[in-house]
């Protein structure tokens, strides 16, 4: 939350406030200029309209791909401990490993996430139409470096 508030202040807003809501904290700022920075914003559900980056936004994502992924995973992603069982010589063992998931109903947002992962060489796959999974050990370690803990 501190990162979001600081970013909002750095980019545009002189006045940012936090409002406690049931189960969450809302970070707010009012400016008619937010739409200039986020032209994708508009009426209706985001997964029913195109979400495309403007050229200047693409440049920023190229320069700050890790920060872009961090924002995506902190908003619509999670890091879990996955597990599987295996029977070897009649004995069942449990294997645990970390894994990331990113879920969104917008195909455009999923494509932006996948492109950013590709840019950093982080292996991923699509187990479902609305989900990106990062499960290989090296890929999870690379994403740990980029995303950091979700607080």
N, C-alpha and C. Protein backbone atom coordinates (compact mmCIF):
# COMPACT_ATOMS: atom_id res chain seq x y z
N UNK A 1 0.82 -1.19 0.00
CA UNK A 1 0.00 0.00 0.00
C UNK A 1 0.86 1.25 0.00
N UNK A 2 1.96 1.19 0.73
CA UNK A 2 2.87 2.34 0.74
C UNK A 2 3.43 2.61 -0.66
N UNK A 3 3.77 1.52 -1.39
CA UNK A 3 4.28 1.67 -2.76
C UNK A 3 3.24 2.32 -3.66
N UNK A 4 1.99 1.89 -3.55
CA UNK A 4 0.93 2.44 -4.38
C UNK A 4 0.73 3.91 -4.07
N UNK A 5 0.65 4.23 -2.80
CA UNK A 5 0.45 5.63 -2.40
C UNK A 5 1.61 6.50 -2.88
N UNK A 6 2.84 6.03 -2.70
CA UNK A 6 4.00 6.80 -3.13
C UNK A 6 4.00 6.99 -4.65
N UNK A 7 3.65 5.93 -5.38
CA UNK A 7 3.60 6.04 -6.84
C UNK A 7 2.54 7.04 -7.29
N UNK A 8 1.39 7.01 -6.66
CA UNK A 8 0.33 7.95 -7.02
C UNK A 8 0.80 9.39 -6.78
N UNK A 9 1.46 9.61 -5.66
CA UNK A 9 1.97 10.95 -5.36
C UNK A 9 3.05 11.38 -6.37
N UNK A 10 3.94 10.44 -6.71
CA UNK A 10 5.02 10.74 -7.65
C UNK A 10 4.50 11.09 -9.04
N UNK A 11 3.47 10.37 -9.48
CA UNK A 11 2.99 10.52 -10.84
C UNK A 11 2.09 11.73 -11.01
N UNK A 12 1.13 11.91 -10.11
CA UNK A 12 0.14 12.94 -10.37
C UNK A 12 -0.45 13.57 -9.12
N UNK A 13 -0.79 12.77 -8.16
CA UNK A 13 -1.68 13.24 -7.10
C UNK A 13 -0.93 13.91 -5.96
N UNK A 14 -1.35 15.10 -5.65
CA UNK A 14 -0.83 15.77 -4.46
C UNK A 14 -1.55 15.25 -3.23
N UNK A 15 -2.79 14.85 -3.41
CA UNK A 15 -3.60 14.39 -2.30
C UNK A 15 -4.02 12.93 -2.52
N UNK A 16 -3.57 12.08 -1.63
CA UNK A 16 -3.92 10.66 -1.66
C UNK A 16 -4.39 10.30 -0.27
N UNK A 17 -5.46 9.52 -0.20
CA UNK A 17 -5.93 9.12 1.13
C UNK A 17 -6.24 7.63 1.14
N UNK A 18 -6.26 7.08 2.34
CA UNK A 18 -6.62 5.68 2.53
C UNK A 18 -7.98 5.63 3.24
N UNK A 19 -8.84 4.76 2.71
CA UNK A 19 -10.17 4.61 3.28
C UNK A 19 -10.36 3.14 3.63
N UNK A 20 -10.65 2.88 4.89
CA UNK A 20 -10.87 1.50 5.31
C UNK A 20 -12.23 1.03 4.80
N UNK A 21 -12.22 -0.12 4.13
CA UNK A 21 -13.43 -0.77 3.65
C UNK A 21 -13.48 -2.16 4.27
N UNK A 22 -14.62 -2.78 4.20
CA UNK A 22 -14.76 -4.13 4.74
C UNK A 22 -13.79 -5.07 4.03
N UNK A 23 -12.85 -5.59 4.76
CA UNK A 23 -11.90 -6.56 4.22
C UNK A 23 -10.76 -5.99 3.39
N UNK A 24 -10.67 -4.66 3.30
CA UNK A 24 -9.59 -4.09 2.50
C UNK A 24 -9.35 -2.63 2.88
N UNK A 25 -8.32 -2.08 2.29
CA UNK A 25 -8.02 -0.67 2.43
C UNK A 25 -8.00 -0.08 1.03
N UNK A 26 -8.76 0.98 0.80
CA UNK A 26 -8.82 1.63 -0.51
C UNK A 26 -7.89 2.84 -0.50
N UNK A 27 -7.08 2.94 -1.54
CA UNK A 27 -6.20 4.09 -1.68
C UNK A 27 -6.79 4.95 -2.78
N UNK A 28 -7.13 6.20 -2.44
CA UNK A 28 -7.90 7.05 -3.34
C UNK A 28 -7.18 8.35 -3.68
N UNK A 29 -7.48 8.82 -4.88
CA UNK A 29 -7.02 10.12 -5.33
C UNK A 29 -7.96 10.57 -6.43
N UNK A 30 -8.33 11.81 -6.41
CA UNK A 30 -9.23 12.34 -7.43
C UNK A 30 -8.49 13.30 -8.33
N UNK A 31 -8.59 13.04 -9.64
CA UNK A 31 -8.04 13.96 -10.64
C UNK A 31 -8.66 13.61 -11.98
N UNK A 32 -9.03 14.64 -12.72
CA UNK A 32 -9.56 14.38 -14.05
C UNK A 32 -8.46 13.92 -14.99
N UNK A 33 -7.20 14.03 -14.58
CA UNK A 33 -6.07 13.66 -15.43
C UNK A 33 -5.68 12.19 -15.34
N UNK A 34 -6.27 11.43 -14.40
CA UNK A 34 -5.96 10.00 -14.33
C UNK A 34 -6.32 9.32 -15.65
N UNK A 35 -7.38 9.78 -16.31
CA UNK A 35 -7.77 9.18 -17.59
C UNK A 35 -6.73 9.42 -18.68
N UNK A 36 -5.93 10.47 -18.54
CA UNK A 36 -4.86 10.71 -19.51
C UNK A 36 -3.76 9.65 -19.34
N UNK A 37 -3.52 9.24 -18.11
CA UNK A 37 -2.48 8.24 -17.83
C UNK A 37 -2.96 6.82 -18.08
N UNK A 38 -4.25 6.60 -17.94
CA UNK A 38 -4.82 5.26 -18.12
C UNK A 38 -5.99 5.33 -19.10
N UNK A 39 -5.68 5.52 -20.39
CA UNK A 39 -6.76 5.66 -21.37
C UNK A 39 -7.58 4.38 -21.52
N UNK A 40 -7.10 3.25 -20.98
CA UNK A 40 -7.85 2.00 -21.05
C UNK A 40 -9.05 2.03 -20.12
N UNK A 41 -9.01 2.90 -19.15
CA UNK A 41 -10.09 2.97 -18.18
C UNK A 41 -11.34 3.48 -18.87
N UNK A 42 -12.46 2.92 -18.52
CA UNK A 42 -13.71 3.37 -19.12
C UNK A 42 -14.88 2.64 -18.51
N UNK A 43 -16.06 2.92 -19.01
CA UNK A 43 -17.25 2.29 -18.45
C UNK A 43 -17.31 0.80 -18.80
N UNK A 44 -17.96 0.05 -17.95
CA UNK A 44 -18.15 -1.37 -18.21
C UNK A 44 -17.02 -2.22 -17.67
N UNK A 45 -17.17 -3.51 -17.87
CA UNK A 45 -16.18 -4.48 -17.37
C UNK A 45 -14.97 -4.50 -18.28
N UNK A 46 -13.77 -4.56 -17.67
CA UNK A 46 -12.55 -4.45 -18.47
C UNK A 46 -12.36 -5.63 -19.40
N UNK A 47 -12.90 -6.80 -19.04
CA UNK A 47 -12.69 -7.95 -19.92
C UNK A 47 -13.61 -7.92 -21.15
N UNK A 48 -14.52 -6.94 -21.23
CA UNK A 48 -15.39 -6.83 -22.40
C UNK A 48 -14.94 -5.73 -23.36
N UNK A 49 -13.85 -5.03 -23.02
CA UNK A 49 -13.35 -3.98 -23.90
C UNK A 49 -11.85 -4.16 -24.08
N UNK A 50 -11.30 -3.62 -25.15
CA UNK A 50 -9.86 -3.80 -25.40
C UNK A 50 -9.01 -3.09 -24.35
N UNK A 51 -7.97 -3.76 -23.92
CA UNK A 51 -6.98 -3.17 -23.02
C UNK A 51 -5.66 -3.19 -23.79
N UNK A 52 -5.32 -2.08 -24.38
CA UNK A 52 -4.11 -1.97 -25.19
C UNK A 52 -3.24 -0.85 -24.64
N UNK A 53 -1.95 -1.07 -24.63
CA UNK A 53 -1.04 -0.04 -24.14
C UNK A 53 -0.78 0.98 -25.23
N UNK A 54 -0.74 2.23 -24.83
CA UNK A 54 -0.32 3.30 -25.72
C UNK A 54 1.20 3.15 -25.92
N UNK A 55 1.76 3.68 -27.00
CA UNK A 55 3.20 3.54 -27.23
C UNK A 55 4.06 4.00 -26.05
N UNK A 56 3.69 5.09 -25.40
CA UNK A 56 4.49 5.57 -24.26
C UNK A 56 4.37 4.60 -23.09
N UNK A 57 3.23 3.92 -22.95
CA UNK A 57 3.08 2.92 -21.89
C UNK A 57 3.92 1.68 -22.20
N UNK A 58 3.96 1.30 -23.49
CA UNK A 58 4.80 0.16 -23.89
C UNK A 58 6.26 0.44 -23.57
N UNK A 59 6.71 1.67 -23.82
CA UNK A 59 8.09 2.04 -23.50
C UNK A 59 8.37 1.88 -22.01
N UNK A 60 7.42 2.32 -21.18
CA UNK A 60 7.60 2.18 -19.73
C UNK A 60 7.64 0.72 -19.30
N UNK A 61 6.77 -0.08 -19.86
CA UNK A 61 6.75 -1.51 -19.52
C UNK A 61 8.05 -2.17 -19.97
N UNK A 62 8.57 -1.78 -21.14
CA UNK A 62 9.85 -2.32 -21.60
C UNK A 62 10.99 -1.95 -20.65
N UNK A 63 10.96 -0.71 -20.15
CA UNK A 63 12.02 -0.24 -19.25
C UNK A 63 11.86 -0.79 -17.83
N UNK A 64 10.62 -1.08 -17.42
CA UNK A 64 10.35 -1.49 -16.04
C UNK A 64 9.48 -2.75 -16.02
N UNK A 65 9.92 -3.76 -16.75
CA UNK A 65 9.12 -4.99 -16.89
C UNK A 65 8.90 -5.65 -15.53
N UNK A 66 9.91 -5.67 -14.69
CA UNK A 66 9.77 -6.29 -13.37
C UNK A 66 8.73 -5.59 -12.52
N UNK A 67 8.75 -4.27 -12.52
CA UNK A 67 7.76 -3.52 -11.74
C UNK A 67 6.35 -3.74 -12.29
N UNK A 68 6.23 -3.85 -13.61
CA UNK A 68 4.94 -4.13 -14.23
C UNK A 68 4.42 -5.49 -13.76
N UNK A 69 5.28 -6.51 -13.80
CA UNK A 69 4.87 -7.84 -13.34
C UNK A 69 4.54 -7.84 -11.86
N UNK A 70 5.32 -7.09 -11.09
CA UNK A 70 5.04 -7.00 -9.65
C UNK A 70 3.64 -6.47 -9.41
N UNK A 71 3.27 -5.42 -10.12
CA UNK A 71 1.93 -4.86 -9.98
C UNK A 71 0.85 -5.85 -10.41
N UNK A 72 1.08 -6.56 -11.51
CA UNK A 72 0.09 -7.55 -11.96
C UNK A 72 -0.09 -8.66 -10.93
N UNK A 73 1.02 -9.23 -10.46
CA UNK A 73 0.91 -10.35 -9.53
C UNK A 73 0.42 -9.92 -8.15
N UNK A 74 0.75 -8.71 -7.74
CA UNK A 74 0.24 -8.25 -6.45
C UNK A 74 -1.25 -7.94 -6.52
N UNK A 75 -1.76 -7.60 -7.71
CA UNK A 75 -3.19 -7.29 -7.80
C UNK A 75 -4.03 -8.52 -8.14
N UNK A 76 -3.61 -9.33 -9.10
CA UNK A 76 -4.43 -10.45 -9.56
C UNK A 76 -3.70 -11.78 -9.53
N UNK A 77 -2.67 -11.88 -8.72
CA UNK A 77 -1.90 -13.12 -8.68
C UNK A 77 -1.71 -13.64 -7.28
N UNK A 78 -1.09 -14.81 -7.20
CA UNK A 78 -0.78 -15.39 -5.89
C UNK A 78 0.42 -16.32 -6.03
N UNK A 79 1.08 -16.55 -4.91
CA UNK A 79 2.16 -17.54 -4.82
C UNK A 79 1.70 -18.56 -3.81
N UNK A 80 1.66 -19.81 -4.20
CA UNK A 80 1.17 -20.85 -3.31
C UNK A 80 2.21 -21.96 -3.20
N UNK A 81 2.00 -22.85 -2.25
CA UNK A 81 2.77 -24.08 -2.18
C UNK A 81 1.89 -25.18 -2.74
N UNK A 82 2.25 -25.67 -3.89
CA UNK A 82 1.52 -26.75 -4.54
C UNK A 82 2.08 -28.08 -4.04
N UNK A 83 1.33 -29.13 -4.17
CA UNK A 83 1.84 -30.43 -3.74
C UNK A 83 1.30 -31.53 -4.65
N UNK A 84 2.04 -32.62 -4.67
CA UNK A 84 1.64 -33.80 -5.44
C UNK A 84 2.10 -35.02 -4.67
N UNK A 85 1.39 -36.12 -4.84
CA UNK A 85 1.80 -37.37 -4.21
C UNK A 85 2.28 -38.34 -5.27
N UNK A 86 3.19 -39.20 -4.86
CA UNK A 86 3.76 -40.19 -5.76
C UNK A 86 4.01 -41.47 -4.99
N UNK A 87 3.70 -42.58 -5.60
CA UNK A 87 3.96 -43.86 -4.95
C UNK A 87 5.18 -44.50 -5.59
N UNK A 88 6.19 -44.76 -4.74
CA UNK A 88 7.42 -45.39 -5.19
C UNK A 88 7.68 -46.58 -4.27
N UNK A 89 7.84 -47.77 -4.85
CA UNK A 89 8.07 -48.99 -4.08
C UNK A 89 7.01 -49.19 -3.00
N UNK A 90 5.76 -48.88 -3.34
CA UNK A 90 4.66 -49.08 -2.41
C UNK A 90 4.54 -48.02 -1.33
N UNK A 91 5.39 -47.04 -1.37
CA UNK A 91 5.35 -45.97 -0.36
C UNK A 91 4.94 -44.66 -1.02
N UNK A 92 3.94 -43.99 -0.44
CA UNK A 92 3.46 -42.73 -0.98
C UNK A 92 4.22 -41.58 -0.35
N UNK A 93 4.77 -40.72 -1.21
CA UNK A 93 5.49 -39.54 -0.72
C UNK A 93 4.80 -38.29 -1.24
N UNK A 94 4.95 -37.25 -0.47
CA UNK A 94 4.36 -35.96 -0.85
C UNK A 94 5.48 -35.01 -1.24
N UNK A 95 5.31 -34.39 -2.40
CA UNK A 95 6.30 -33.44 -2.91
C UNK A 95 5.65 -32.06 -2.93
N UNK A 96 6.28 -31.08 -2.29
CA UNK A 96 5.76 -29.71 -2.26
C UNK A 96 6.70 -28.79 -3.03
N UNK A 97 6.09 -27.80 -3.71
CA UNK A 97 6.90 -26.85 -4.46
C UNK A 97 6.13 -25.55 -4.62
N UNK A 98 6.84 -24.40 -4.66
CA UNK A 98 6.16 -23.11 -4.83
C UNK A 98 5.72 -22.92 -6.28
N UNK A 99 4.68 -22.13 -6.43
CA UNK A 99 4.11 -21.90 -7.76
C UNK A 99 3.38 -20.56 -7.75
N UNK A 100 3.38 -19.87 -8.88
CA UNK A 100 2.63 -18.63 -9.04
C UNK A 100 1.45 -18.86 -9.97
N UNK A 101 0.36 -18.17 -9.68
CA UNK A 101 -0.79 -18.11 -10.57
C UNK A 101 -1.15 -16.65 -10.79
N UNK A 102 -1.53 -16.32 -12.02
CA UNK A 102 -2.08 -15.02 -12.34
C UNK A 102 -3.40 -15.27 -13.06
N UNK A 103 -4.48 -14.69 -12.55
CA UNK A 103 -5.80 -14.92 -13.14
C UNK A 103 -6.45 -13.59 -13.51
N UNK A 104 -7.07 -13.58 -14.69
CA UNK A 104 -7.80 -12.39 -15.13
C UNK A 104 -8.74 -12.81 -16.24
N UNK A 105 -9.90 -12.19 -16.30
CA UNK A 105 -10.86 -12.52 -17.36
C UNK A 105 -10.54 -11.82 -18.67
N UNK A 106 -9.69 -10.81 -18.63
CA UNK A 106 -9.33 -10.06 -19.82
C UNK A 106 -8.21 -10.78 -20.58
N UNK A 107 -8.50 -11.20 -21.80
CA UNK A 107 -7.48 -11.84 -22.63
C UNK A 107 -6.34 -10.87 -22.92
N UNK A 108 -6.65 -9.59 -23.03
CA UNK A 108 -5.60 -8.59 -23.29
C UNK A 108 -4.64 -8.46 -22.11
N UNK A 109 -5.17 -8.45 -20.90
CA UNK A 109 -4.31 -8.35 -19.71
C UNK A 109 -3.47 -9.61 -19.55
N UNK A 110 -4.07 -10.77 -19.81
CA UNK A 110 -3.30 -12.01 -19.77
C UNK A 110 -2.17 -11.98 -20.80
N UNK A 111 -2.43 -11.45 -21.98
CA UNK A 111 -1.41 -11.36 -23.02
C UNK A 111 -0.29 -10.41 -22.60
N UNK A 112 -0.63 -9.31 -21.94
CA UNK A 112 0.39 -8.37 -21.46
C UNK A 112 1.27 -9.04 -20.41
N UNK A 113 0.66 -9.81 -19.52
CA UNK A 113 1.42 -10.53 -18.49
C UNK A 113 2.34 -11.56 -19.14
N UNK A 114 1.82 -12.35 -20.07
CA UNK A 114 2.62 -13.37 -20.75
C UNK A 114 3.79 -12.74 -21.51
N UNK A 115 3.54 -11.62 -22.18
CA UNK A 115 4.60 -10.94 -22.92
C UNK A 115 5.70 -10.43 -21.98
N UNK A 116 5.31 -9.93 -20.82
CA UNK A 116 6.30 -9.46 -19.84
C UNK A 116 7.12 -10.63 -19.30
N UNK A 117 6.46 -11.75 -19.03
CA UNK A 117 7.19 -12.94 -18.57
C UNK A 117 8.16 -13.41 -19.65
N UNK A 118 7.71 -13.42 -20.90
CA UNK A 118 8.59 -13.80 -22.01
C UNK A 118 9.79 -12.86 -22.10
N UNK A 119 9.55 -11.57 -21.92
CA UNK A 119 10.62 -10.57 -22.02
C UNK A 119 11.72 -10.86 -21.00
N UNK A 120 11.33 -11.38 -19.83
CA UNK A 120 12.33 -11.68 -18.79
C UNK A 120 12.78 -13.14 -18.84
N UNK A 121 12.29 -13.90 -19.81
CA UNK A 121 12.71 -15.30 -19.94
C UNK A 121 12.15 -16.20 -18.86
N UNK A 122 11.00 -15.87 -18.32
CA UNK A 122 10.38 -16.66 -17.25
C UNK A 122 9.36 -17.62 -17.87
N UNK A 123 9.63 -18.91 -17.74
CA UNK A 123 8.76 -19.94 -18.32
C UNK A 123 7.39 -19.91 -17.65
N UNK A 124 6.35 -20.08 -18.48
CA UNK A 124 4.97 -20.07 -17.96
C UNK A 124 4.10 -20.88 -18.89
N UNK A 125 2.91 -21.21 -18.42
CA UNK A 125 1.95 -21.90 -19.28
C UNK A 125 0.54 -21.45 -18.91
N UNK A 126 -0.43 -21.86 -19.71
CA UNK A 126 -1.83 -21.48 -19.53
C UNK A 126 -2.65 -22.73 -19.22
N UNK A 127 -2.83 -23.08 -17.95
CA UNK A 127 -3.62 -24.27 -17.62
C UNK A 127 -5.11 -24.09 -17.90
N UNK A 128 -5.57 -22.85 -17.87
CA UNK A 128 -6.97 -22.51 -18.18
C UNK A 128 -6.96 -21.22 -18.99
N UNK A 129 -8.09 -20.93 -19.59
CA UNK A 129 -8.18 -19.74 -20.45
C UNK A 129 -7.94 -18.45 -19.69
N UNK A 130 -8.24 -18.42 -18.39
CA UNK A 130 -8.12 -17.18 -17.61
C UNK A 130 -6.95 -17.20 -16.62
N UNK A 131 -5.99 -18.11 -16.82
CA UNK A 131 -4.92 -18.28 -15.83
C UNK A 131 -3.56 -18.48 -16.49
N UNK A 132 -2.55 -17.87 -15.89
CA UNK A 132 -1.15 -18.12 -16.24
C UNK A 132 -0.50 -18.76 -15.03
N UNK A 133 0.27 -19.81 -15.26
CA UNK A 133 0.95 -20.54 -14.19
C UNK A 133 2.46 -20.48 -14.40
N UNK A 134 3.17 -20.25 -13.30
CA UNK A 134 4.64 -20.30 -13.31
C UNK A 134 5.02 -21.34 -12.25
N UNK A 135 5.57 -22.49 -12.70
CA UNK A 135 5.80 -23.58 -11.75
C UNK A 135 7.21 -24.16 -11.79
N UNK A 136 7.95 -23.96 -12.86
CA UNK A 136 9.30 -24.52 -12.92
C UNK A 136 10.18 -23.83 -11.88
N UNK A 137 11.05 -24.61 -11.27
CA UNK A 137 11.87 -24.10 -10.16
C UNK A 137 12.61 -22.81 -10.52
N UNK A 138 13.30 -22.81 -11.66
CA UNK A 138 14.07 -21.62 -12.06
C UNK A 138 13.15 -20.44 -12.36
N UNK A 139 12.00 -20.71 -12.94
CA UNK A 139 11.05 -19.64 -13.27
C UNK A 139 10.46 -19.03 -12.00
N UNK A 140 10.14 -19.88 -11.02
CA UNK A 140 9.61 -19.38 -9.74
C UNK A 140 10.67 -18.53 -9.04
N UNK A 141 11.92 -19.00 -9.05
CA UNK A 141 13.00 -18.23 -8.42
C UNK A 141 13.17 -16.87 -9.10
N UNK A 142 13.10 -16.84 -10.43
CA UNK A 142 13.22 -15.56 -11.15
C UNK A 142 12.06 -14.65 -10.83
N UNK A 143 10.85 -15.20 -10.75
CA UNK A 143 9.69 -14.37 -10.43
C UNK A 143 9.72 -13.90 -8.98
N UNK A 144 10.27 -14.72 -8.07
CA UNK A 144 10.46 -14.29 -6.68
C UNK A 144 11.31 -13.04 -6.62
N UNK A 145 12.36 -12.99 -7.44
CA UNK A 145 13.25 -11.83 -7.47
C UNK A 145 12.53 -10.59 -7.97
N UNK A 146 11.63 -10.76 -8.92
CA UNK A 146 10.92 -9.65 -9.55
C UNK A 146 9.73 -9.18 -8.70
N UNK A 147 8.94 -10.12 -8.24
CA UNK A 147 7.68 -9.79 -7.58
C UNK A 147 7.86 -9.45 -6.11
N UNK A 148 8.67 -10.22 -5.42
CA UNK A 148 8.83 -10.00 -3.98
C UNK A 148 7.58 -10.41 -3.22
N UNK A 149 7.64 -10.35 -1.90
CA UNK A 149 6.50 -10.79 -1.10
C UNK A 149 5.28 -9.90 -1.27
N UNK A 150 4.14 -10.53 -1.23
CA UNK A 150 2.87 -9.80 -1.30
C UNK A 150 2.46 -9.50 0.13
N UNK A 151 2.45 -8.23 0.47
CA UNK A 151 2.18 -7.87 1.87
C UNK A 151 0.76 -7.39 2.03
